[in-house]
Amino acid sequence: MAETDDAVLQGGCLCGSVRYEVRPDSLEGYYCHCRMCQLAFGNTRAAFLNVPKDAVRWLSPPQHYASSKFALRGFCANCGSPLSFEYLGSKRLDLSVGSLDEPQRVRPVSHFAVETRIAEWHADDGLPGQRLDEHQKLVERWKQAYGDDVVPGIAATRSDE
């Protein structure tokens, strides 16, 4: 989208303790329906905007939680707002669309992890969807972290404790 050329978006948590600004390379977001995101957000899905890490400037940084051996989730330690998701070693991260001051500027374009989408809460919007097991790079991350016989998801992270 051409609008991103000079776009600066701002966002933060519910209580205002964590703030950021970002210059996204796209204003196209996506919905993640994986069970881990459902639990992290306390919702049926999470809405994300994927951006280069170096495009984000944390004015006051979030705390991080290692939700798996290869990923971190950023959140506010005061109010608990979910703010970000990132793979270790990646040059990109996801910002939660709901944490943006102007979330309406981001347009959803797809659904991810549709195999765990909660059918009773899904409204068909005509957007394409992808299963987690169709994302080869992500499946490889899971295998490298938890072994070749891993079933990606919350059960794998909890069985490792």
N, C-alpha and C. Protein backbone atom coordinates (compact mmCIF):
# COMPACT_ATOMS: atom_id res chain seq x y z
N MET A 1 0.84 -1.18 0.00
CA MET A 1 0.00 0.00 0.00
C MET A 1 0.88 1.24 0.00
N ALA A 2 0.61 2.18 -0.84
CA ALA A 2 1.42 3.39 -0.94
C ALA A 2 1.36 4.25 0.31
N GLU A 3 0.27 4.14 1.07
CA GLU A 3 0.10 4.96 2.26
C GLU A 3 1.22 4.77 3.27
N THR A 4 1.94 3.65 3.21
CA THR A 4 2.97 3.37 4.20
C THR A 4 4.28 4.12 3.95
N ASP A 5 4.44 4.76 2.81
CA ASP A 5 5.70 5.43 2.51
C ASP A 5 6.15 6.35 3.64
N ASP A 6 5.29 7.15 4.16
CA ASP A 6 5.63 8.06 5.24
C ASP A 6 4.77 7.80 6.48
N ALA A 7 4.11 6.65 6.52
CA ALA A 7 3.19 6.36 7.62
C ALA A 7 3.96 6.10 8.91
N VAL A 8 3.58 6.78 9.95
CA VAL A 8 4.06 6.50 11.29
C VAL A 8 2.83 6.19 12.11
N LEU A 9 2.81 5.01 12.67
CA LEU A 9 1.72 4.61 13.54
C LEU A 9 2.22 4.62 14.97
N GLN A 10 1.34 4.91 15.89
CA GLN A 10 1.69 4.87 17.31
C GLN A 10 0.75 3.92 18.01
N GLY A 11 1.22 3.40 19.13
CA GLY A 11 0.39 2.49 19.88
C GLY A 11 0.92 2.29 21.28
N GLY A 12 0.22 1.45 22.01
CA GLY A 12 0.63 1.17 23.37
C GLY A 12 -0.41 0.33 24.09
N CYS A 13 -0.21 0.21 25.37
CA CYS A 13 -1.07 -0.63 26.19
C CYS A 13 -2.26 0.14 26.77
N LEU A 14 -3.11 -0.57 27.46
CA LEU A 14 -4.31 0.01 28.05
C LEU A 14 -4.00 1.09 29.08
N CYS A 15 -3.02 0.86 29.94
CA CYS A 15 -2.74 1.83 31.01
C CYS A 15 -1.80 2.95 30.57
N GLY A 16 -1.18 2.82 29.40
CA GLY A 16 -0.29 3.86 28.89
C GLY A 16 1.16 3.73 29.32
N SER A 17 1.50 2.70 30.08
CA SER A 17 2.88 2.51 30.53
C SER A 17 3.83 2.15 29.40
N VAL A 18 3.35 1.41 28.40
CA VAL A 18 4.17 1.00 27.27
C VAL A 18 3.67 1.73 26.03
N ARG A 19 4.59 2.37 25.34
CA ARG A 19 4.25 3.11 24.11
C ARG A 19 5.29 2.79 23.04
N TYR A 20 4.85 2.86 21.78
CA TYR A 20 5.76 2.64 20.66
C TYR A 20 5.31 3.45 19.46
N GLU A 21 6.21 3.57 18.49
CA GLU A 21 5.86 4.08 17.17
C GLU A 21 6.50 3.16 16.15
N VAL A 22 5.86 3.07 15.00
CA VAL A 22 6.33 2.15 13.97
C VAL A 22 6.11 2.76 12.60
N ARG A 23 7.04 2.48 11.71
CA ARG A 23 6.92 2.82 10.29
C ARG A 23 6.76 1.50 9.53
N PRO A 24 5.52 1.04 9.36
CA PRO A 24 5.31 -0.26 8.71
C PRO A 24 5.61 -0.20 7.23
N ASP A 25 6.00 -1.35 6.68
CA ASP A 25 6.22 -1.44 5.24
C ASP A 25 4.93 -1.87 4.53
N SER A 26 3.90 -2.14 5.29
CA SER A 26 2.59 -2.50 4.75
C SER A 26 1.54 -2.23 5.83
N LEU A 27 0.34 -1.95 5.40
CA LEU A 27 -0.78 -1.80 6.33
C LEU A 27 -1.74 -2.97 6.21
N GLU A 28 -1.21 -4.11 5.76
CA GLU A 28 -2.00 -5.33 5.62
C GLU A 28 -1.74 -6.23 6.82
N GLY A 29 -2.78 -6.50 7.57
CA GLY A 29 -2.68 -7.34 8.75
C GLY A 29 -3.27 -8.71 8.53
N TYR A 30 -3.20 -9.52 9.57
CA TYR A 30 -3.76 -10.87 9.48
C TYR A 30 -4.30 -11.30 10.84
N TYR A 31 -5.16 -12.29 10.79
CA TYR A 31 -5.71 -12.90 11.99
C TYR A 31 -4.97 -14.21 12.26
N CYS A 32 -4.54 -14.43 13.49
CA CYS A 32 -3.98 -15.73 13.87
C CYS A 32 -4.99 -16.43 14.77
N HIS A 33 -5.30 -17.67 14.41
CA HIS A 33 -6.28 -18.46 15.15
C HIS A 33 -5.62 -19.59 15.93
N CYS A 34 -4.29 -19.59 16.04
CA CYS A 34 -3.64 -20.69 16.77
C CYS A 34 -4.07 -20.64 18.23
N ARG A 35 -4.05 -21.79 18.86
CA ARG A 35 -4.51 -21.89 20.24
C ARG A 35 -3.65 -21.04 21.18
N MET A 36 -2.37 -20.92 20.87
CA MET A 36 -1.48 -20.12 21.72
C MET A 36 -1.89 -18.65 21.69
N CYS A 37 -2.20 -18.12 20.52
CA CYS A 37 -2.65 -16.73 20.42
C CYS A 37 -4.02 -16.55 21.09
N GLN A 38 -4.89 -17.54 20.94
CA GLN A 38 -6.19 -17.46 21.61
C GLN A 38 -6.00 -17.30 23.11
N LEU A 39 -5.11 -18.08 23.68
CA LEU A 39 -4.86 -18.00 25.13
C LEU A 39 -4.14 -16.72 25.50
N ALA A 40 -3.15 -16.32 24.72
CA ALA A 40 -2.38 -15.10 25.03
C ALA A 40 -3.26 -13.86 24.99
N PHE A 41 -4.25 -13.83 24.10
CA PHE A 41 -5.12 -12.67 23.95
C PHE A 41 -6.44 -12.83 24.71
N GLY A 42 -6.73 -14.03 25.19
CA GLY A 42 -8.03 -14.26 25.84
C GLY A 42 -9.15 -14.01 24.86
N ASN A 43 -8.96 -14.43 23.63
CA ASN A 43 -9.91 -14.14 22.56
C ASN A 43 -9.94 -15.30 21.58
N THR A 44 -10.83 -15.25 20.62
CA THR A 44 -10.94 -16.32 19.63
C THR A 44 -9.88 -16.24 18.55
N ARG A 45 -9.16 -15.13 18.51
CA ARG A 45 -8.09 -14.92 17.53
C ARG A 45 -7.31 -13.68 17.94
N ALA A 46 -6.16 -13.51 17.29
CA ALA A 46 -5.35 -12.31 17.48
C ALA A 46 -5.22 -11.62 16.14
N ALA A 47 -5.25 -10.30 16.14
CA ALA A 47 -5.04 -9.53 14.91
C ALA A 47 -3.64 -8.92 14.98
N PHE A 48 -2.86 -9.14 13.92
CA PHE A 48 -1.47 -8.70 13.90
C PHE A 48 -1.13 -7.88 12.67
N LEU A 49 -0.14 -7.01 12.84
CA LEU A 49 0.52 -6.29 11.76
C LEU A 49 1.97 -6.69 11.80
N ASN A 50 2.48 -7.33 10.75
CA ASN A 50 3.86 -7.77 10.70
C ASN A 50 4.73 -6.65 10.16
N VAL A 51 5.81 -6.34 10.89
CA VAL A 51 6.68 -5.20 10.55
C VAL A 51 8.14 -5.57 10.76
N PRO A 52 9.05 -4.84 10.11
CA PRO A 52 10.47 -5.04 10.41
C PRO A 52 10.75 -4.59 11.85
N LYS A 53 11.56 -5.37 12.57
CA LYS A 53 11.89 -5.00 13.95
C LYS A 53 12.53 -3.62 14.02
N ASP A 54 13.37 -3.30 13.04
CA ASP A 54 14.05 -2.01 13.08
C ASP A 54 13.13 -0.84 12.72
N ALA A 55 11.87 -1.14 12.38
CA ALA A 55 10.89 -0.08 12.10
C ALA A 55 10.11 0.31 13.35
N VAL A 56 10.35 -0.42 14.46
CA VAL A 56 9.64 -0.17 15.72
C VAL A 56 10.57 0.56 16.67
N ARG A 57 10.04 1.62 17.26
CA ARG A 57 10.78 2.33 18.31
C ARG A 57 9.93 2.29 19.56
N TRP A 58 10.44 1.57 20.56
CA TRP A 58 9.72 1.47 21.84
C TRP A 58 10.04 2.71 22.65
N LEU A 59 9.05 3.53 22.91
CA LEU A 59 9.24 4.74 23.72
C LEU A 59 9.35 4.35 25.20
N SER A 60 8.66 3.32 25.58
CA SER A 60 8.80 2.66 26.87
C SER A 60 8.58 1.18 26.57
N PRO A 61 9.57 0.33 26.82
CA PRO A 61 9.53 -1.06 26.34
C PRO A 61 8.59 -1.97 27.11
N PRO A 62 8.12 -3.02 26.44
CA PRO A 62 7.28 -4.01 27.10
C PRO A 62 8.14 -5.04 27.86
N GLN A 63 7.49 -5.84 28.66
CA GLN A 63 8.10 -7.04 29.23
C GLN A 63 7.91 -8.15 28.20
N HIS A 64 8.66 -9.23 28.31
CA HIS A 64 8.54 -10.34 27.37
C HIS A 64 8.34 -11.66 28.10
N TYR A 65 7.58 -12.52 27.45
CA TYR A 65 7.31 -13.86 27.94
C TYR A 65 7.72 -14.83 26.85
N ALA A 66 8.52 -15.84 27.18
CA ALA A 66 8.90 -16.87 26.21
C ALA A 66 7.76 -17.88 26.13
N SER A 67 6.94 -17.75 25.09
CA SER A 67 5.78 -18.63 24.96
C SER A 67 6.15 -19.98 24.35
N SER A 68 7.36 -20.09 23.84
CA SER A 68 7.90 -21.35 23.35
C SER A 68 9.42 -21.20 23.37
N LYS A 69 10.12 -22.25 22.93
CA LYS A 69 11.58 -22.19 22.89
C LYS A 69 12.10 -21.24 21.83
N PHE A 70 11.22 -20.79 20.91
CA PHE A 70 11.69 -19.97 19.80
C PHE A 70 10.89 -18.69 19.58
N ALA A 71 10.07 -18.30 20.55
CA ALA A 71 9.25 -17.10 20.36
C ALA A 71 9.03 -16.34 21.66
N LEU A 72 8.90 -15.03 21.53
CA LEU A 72 8.63 -14.14 22.65
C LEU A 72 7.34 -13.37 22.39
N ARG A 73 6.61 -13.10 23.46
CA ARG A 73 5.42 -12.26 23.38
C ARG A 73 5.65 -11.05 24.28
N GLY A 74 5.46 -9.85 23.72
CA GLY A 74 5.60 -8.63 24.47
C GLY A 74 4.27 -8.22 25.08
N PHE A 75 4.32 -7.71 26.32
CA PHE A 75 3.10 -7.32 27.02
C PHE A 75 3.42 -6.24 28.03
N CYS A 76 2.40 -5.57 28.52
CA CYS A 76 2.58 -4.59 29.58
C CYS A 76 2.53 -5.32 30.93
N ALA A 77 3.58 -5.11 31.73
CA ALA A 77 3.63 -5.75 33.05
C ALA A 77 2.62 -5.15 34.02
N ASN A 78 2.11 -3.94 33.73
CA ASN A 78 1.13 -3.31 34.63
C ASN A 78 -0.30 -3.74 34.33
N CYS A 79 -0.72 -3.65 33.07
CA CYS A 79 -2.12 -3.93 32.75
C CYS A 79 -2.32 -5.24 31.99
N GLY A 80 -1.24 -5.86 31.52
CA GLY A 80 -1.34 -7.15 30.84
C GLY A 80 -1.66 -7.10 29.37
N SER A 81 -1.77 -5.92 28.77
CA SER A 81 -2.11 -5.83 27.34
C SER A 81 -1.10 -6.57 26.48
N PRO A 82 -1.57 -7.46 25.57
CA PRO A 82 -0.66 -8.11 24.63
C PRO A 82 -0.26 -7.10 23.55
N LEU A 83 1.05 -7.01 23.27
CA LEU A 83 1.55 -5.99 22.36
C LEU A 83 2.29 -6.53 21.15
N SER A 84 3.05 -7.62 21.32
CA SER A 84 3.87 -8.08 20.20
C SER A 84 4.12 -9.58 20.28
N PHE A 85 4.56 -10.10 19.15
CA PHE A 85 4.98 -11.49 19.02
C PHE A 85 6.18 -11.51 18.10
N GLU A 86 7.22 -12.27 18.47
CA GLU A 86 8.39 -12.36 17.60
C GLU A 86 9.09 -13.69 17.74
N TYR A 87 9.62 -14.18 16.61
CA TYR A 87 10.46 -15.36 16.61
C TYR A 87 11.88 -14.94 16.94
N LEU A 88 12.56 -15.71 17.78
CA LEU A 88 13.95 -15.43 18.09
C LEU A 88 14.77 -15.46 16.79
N GLY A 89 15.62 -14.48 16.60
CA GLY A 89 16.47 -14.43 15.43
C GLY A 89 15.82 -13.86 14.18
N SER A 90 14.54 -13.51 14.25
CA SER A 90 13.85 -12.95 13.09
C SER A 90 14.11 -11.45 12.98
N LYS A 91 14.07 -10.93 11.78
CA LYS A 91 14.21 -9.49 11.57
C LYS A 91 12.87 -8.79 11.57
N ARG A 92 11.79 -9.55 11.81
CA ARG A 92 10.44 -9.00 11.81
C ARG A 92 9.74 -9.37 13.11
N LEU A 93 8.69 -8.64 13.41
CA LEU A 93 7.83 -8.98 14.54
C LEU A 93 6.41 -8.59 14.21
N ASP A 94 5.49 -9.11 15.00
CA ASP A 94 4.08 -8.78 14.86
C ASP A 94 3.68 -7.85 15.99
N LEU A 95 2.97 -6.79 15.65
CA LEU A 95 2.37 -5.90 16.65
C LEU A 95 0.88 -6.21 16.70
N SER A 96 0.30 -6.19 17.89
CA SER A 96 -1.14 -6.43 17.99
C SER A 96 -1.88 -5.21 17.43
N VAL A 97 -2.77 -5.46 16.51
CA VAL A 97 -3.53 -4.38 15.87
C VAL A 97 -4.32 -3.59 16.91
N GLY A 98 -4.86 -4.28 17.91
CA GLY A 98 -5.64 -3.61 18.94
C GLY A 98 -4.84 -2.63 19.78
N SER A 99 -3.51 -2.76 19.79
CA SER A 99 -2.68 -1.84 20.57
C SER A 99 -2.35 -0.56 19.80
N LEU A 100 -2.69 -0.51 18.53
CA LEU A 100 -2.45 0.70 17.74
C LEU A 100 -3.44 1.80 18.13
N ASP A 101 -2.99 3.04 18.10
CA ASP A 101 -3.89 4.16 18.37
C ASP A 101 -4.95 4.29 17.29
N GLU A 102 -4.60 3.90 16.06
CA GLU A 102 -5.54 3.96 14.93
C GLU A 102 -5.61 2.59 14.26
N PRO A 103 -6.20 1.61 14.92
CA PRO A 103 -6.24 0.26 14.34
C PRO A 103 -6.99 0.19 13.02
N GLN A 104 -7.87 1.14 12.79
CA GLN A 104 -8.65 1.13 11.54
C GLN A 104 -7.78 1.36 10.30
N ARG A 105 -6.55 1.80 10.49
CA ARG A 105 -5.66 2.01 9.35
C ARG A 105 -5.11 0.70 8.79
N VAL A 106 -5.20 -0.37 9.57
CA VAL A 106 -4.71 -1.69 9.13
C VAL A 106 -5.88 -2.48 8.58
N ARG A 107 -5.64 -3.10 7.43
CA ARG A 107 -6.68 -3.86 6.75
C ARG A 107 -6.36 -5.35 6.82
N PRO A 108 -7.29 -6.17 7.33
CA PRO A 108 -7.02 -7.62 7.37
C PRO A 108 -7.03 -8.20 5.97
N VAL A 109 -6.06 -9.09 5.69
CA VAL A 109 -5.99 -9.70 4.36
C VAL A 109 -5.99 -11.22 4.38
N SER A 110 -5.82 -11.84 5.58
CA SER A 110 -5.79 -13.30 5.63
C SER A 110 -5.99 -13.82 7.04
N HIS A 111 -6.18 -15.14 7.11
CA HIS A 111 -6.32 -15.87 8.36
C HIS A 111 -5.21 -16.92 8.42
N PHE A 112 -4.63 -17.11 9.61
CA PHE A 112 -3.59 -18.11 9.79
C PHE A 112 -4.02 -19.10 10.87
N ALA A 113 -3.54 -20.33 10.74
CA ALA A 113 -3.85 -21.43 11.66
C ALA A 113 -5.35 -21.70 11.69
N VAL A 114 -5.92 -21.79 10.51
CA VAL A 114 -7.38 -21.96 10.41
C VAL A 114 -7.87 -23.30 10.95
N GLU A 115 -6.97 -24.26 11.13
CA GLU A 115 -7.38 -25.56 11.66
C GLU A 115 -7.83 -25.46 13.12
N THR A 116 -7.43 -24.39 13.81
CA THR A 116 -7.88 -24.20 15.19
C THR A 116 -8.82 -23.01 15.33
N ARG A 117 -9.31 -22.54 14.20
CA ARG A 117 -10.32 -21.47 14.24
C ARG A 117 -11.57 -21.99 14.93
N ILE A 118 -12.18 -21.18 15.76
CA ILE A 118 -13.38 -21.58 16.49
C ILE A 118 -14.59 -21.27 15.60
N ALA A 119 -15.14 -22.32 15.03
CA ALA A 119 -16.19 -22.17 14.01
C ALA A 119 -17.37 -21.34 14.50
N GLU A 120 -17.76 -21.51 15.74
CA GLU A 120 -18.92 -20.80 16.27
C GLU A 120 -18.70 -19.29 16.35
N TRP A 121 -17.44 -18.86 16.33
CA TRP A 121 -17.10 -17.43 16.43
C TRP A 121 -16.55 -16.88 15.12
N HIS A 122 -16.60 -17.67 14.06
CA HIS A 122 -16.06 -17.21 12.77
C HIS A 122 -17.16 -16.67 11.88
N ALA A 123 -16.95 -15.45 11.42
CA ALA A 123 -17.84 -14.86 10.42
C ALA A 123 -17.09 -14.90 9.09
N ASP A 124 -17.64 -15.56 8.10
CA ASP A 124 -16.94 -15.69 6.82
C ASP A 124 -16.78 -14.31 6.19
N ASP A 125 -15.54 -13.89 6.04
CA ASP A 125 -15.23 -12.58 5.47
C ASP A 125 -14.63 -12.69 4.07
N GLY A 126 -14.53 -13.91 3.57
CA GLY A 126 -14.00 -14.12 2.23
C GLY A 126 -12.49 -14.05 2.12
N LEU A 127 -11.79 -13.82 3.24
CA LEU A 127 -10.33 -13.74 3.20
C LEU A 127 -9.73 -15.14 3.13
N PRO A 128 -8.59 -15.29 2.45
CA PRO A 128 -7.96 -16.61 2.37
C PRO A 128 -7.41 -17.03 3.72
N GLY A 129 -7.28 -18.34 3.88
CA GLY A 129 -6.74 -18.88 5.12
C GLY A 129 -5.65 -19.89 4.85
N GLN A 130 -4.78 -20.07 5.85
CA GLN A 130 -3.70 -21.03 5.74
C GLN A 130 -3.62 -21.84 7.03
N ARG A 131 -3.39 -23.14 6.88
CA ARG A 131 -3.18 -24.01 8.02
C ARG A 131 -1.74 -23.83 8.51
N LEU A 132 -1.53 -24.01 9.80
CA LEU A 132 -0.18 -23.91 10.35
C LEU A 132 0.75 -24.93 9.70
N ASP A 133 0.28 -26.16 9.50
CA ASP A 133 1.15 -27.20 8.93
C ASP A 133 1.49 -26.96 7.46
N GLU A 134 0.88 -25.96 6.83
CA GLU A 134 1.23 -25.58 5.46
C GLU A 134 2.38 -24.56 5.44
N HIS A 135 2.74 -24.04 6.57
CA HIS A 135 3.80 -23.03 6.68
C HIS A 135 5.10 -23.77 7.04
N GLN A 136 5.84 -24.20 6.01
CA GLN A 136 7.00 -25.07 6.20
C GLN A 136 8.07 -24.48 7.11
N LYS A 137 8.36 -23.20 6.98
CA LYS A 137 9.39 -22.58 7.81
C LYS A 137 9.01 -22.65 9.29
N LEU A 138 7.74 -22.44 9.59
CA LEU A 138 7.28 -22.51 10.97
C LEU A 138 7.30 -23.94 11.48
N VAL A 139 6.89 -24.89 10.67
CA VAL A 139 6.93 -26.30 11.07
C VAL A 139 8.38 -26.69 11.39
N GLU A 140 9.32 -26.21 10.60
CA GLU A 140 10.74 -26.50 10.86
C GLU A 140 11.20 -25.89 12.19
N ARG A 141 10.74 -24.69 12.51
CA ARG A 141 11.07 -24.09 13.81
C ARG A 141 10.61 -25.00 14.95
N TRP A 142 9.38 -25.49 14.83
CA TRP A 142 8.84 -26.38 15.86
C TRP A 142 9.69 -27.64 15.97
N LYS A 143 10.04 -28.25 14.85
CA LYS A 143 10.84 -29.48 14.86
C LYS A 143 12.22 -29.24 15.47
N GLN A 144 12.85 -28.15 15.11
CA GLN A 144 14.18 -27.85 15.65
C GLN A 144 14.12 -27.65 17.16
N ALA A 145 13.06 -27.05 17.65
CA ALA A 145 12.95 -26.76 19.07
C ALA A 145 12.46 -27.95 19.90
N TYR A 146 11.57 -28.77 19.33
CA TYR A 146 10.90 -29.80 20.13
C TYR A 146 11.03 -31.22 19.57
N GLY A 147 11.70 -31.40 18.47
CA GLY A 147 11.89 -32.73 17.90
C GLY A 147 11.02 -32.97 16.68
N ASP A 148 11.44 -33.94 15.87
CA ASP A 148 10.77 -34.22 14.59
C ASP A 148 9.33 -34.70 14.73
N ASP A 149 8.97 -35.29 15.86
CA ASP A 149 7.61 -35.82 16.01
C ASP A 149 6.66 -34.85 16.70
N VAL A 150 7.07 -33.59 16.83
CA VAL A 150 6.26 -32.59 17.51
C VAL A 150 4.94 -32.32 16.77
N VAL A 151 3.90 -32.10 17.55
CA VAL A 151 2.65 -31.56 17.03
C VAL A 151 2.67 -30.09 17.47
N PRO A 152 2.87 -29.16 16.54
CA PRO A 152 2.98 -27.75 16.92
C PRO A 152 1.78 -27.26 17.72
N GLY A 153 2.07 -26.53 18.79
CA GLY A 153 0.99 -25.97 19.59
C GLY A 153 1.27 -25.99 21.07
N ILE A 154 0.28 -25.59 21.82
CA ILE A 154 0.41 -25.41 23.25
C ILE A 154 0.81 -26.68 23.98
N ALA A 155 0.34 -27.83 23.55
CA ALA A 155 0.67 -29.09 24.22
C ALA A 155 2.18 -29.35 24.19
N ALA A 156 2.82 -29.01 23.09
CA ALA A 156 4.26 -29.23 22.98
C ALA A 156 5.02 -28.35 23.98
N THR A 157 4.60 -27.11 24.16
CA THR A 157 5.31 -26.22 25.07
C THR A 157 5.07 -26.62 26.52
N ARG A 158 3.92 -27.12 26.82
CA ARG A 158 3.61 -27.50 28.20
C ARG A 158 4.21 -28.84 28.58
N SER A 159 4.40 -29.73 27.63
CA SER A 159 4.97 -31.04 27.93
C SER A 159 6.47 -30.93 28.19
N ASP A 160 7.06 -29.82 27.83
CA ASP A 160 8.50 -29.62 27.97
C ASP A 160 8.87 -29.17 29.39
N GLU A 161 7.90 -28.84 30.20
CA GLU A 161 8.17 -28.30 31.54
C GLU A 161 8.73 -29.35 32.47
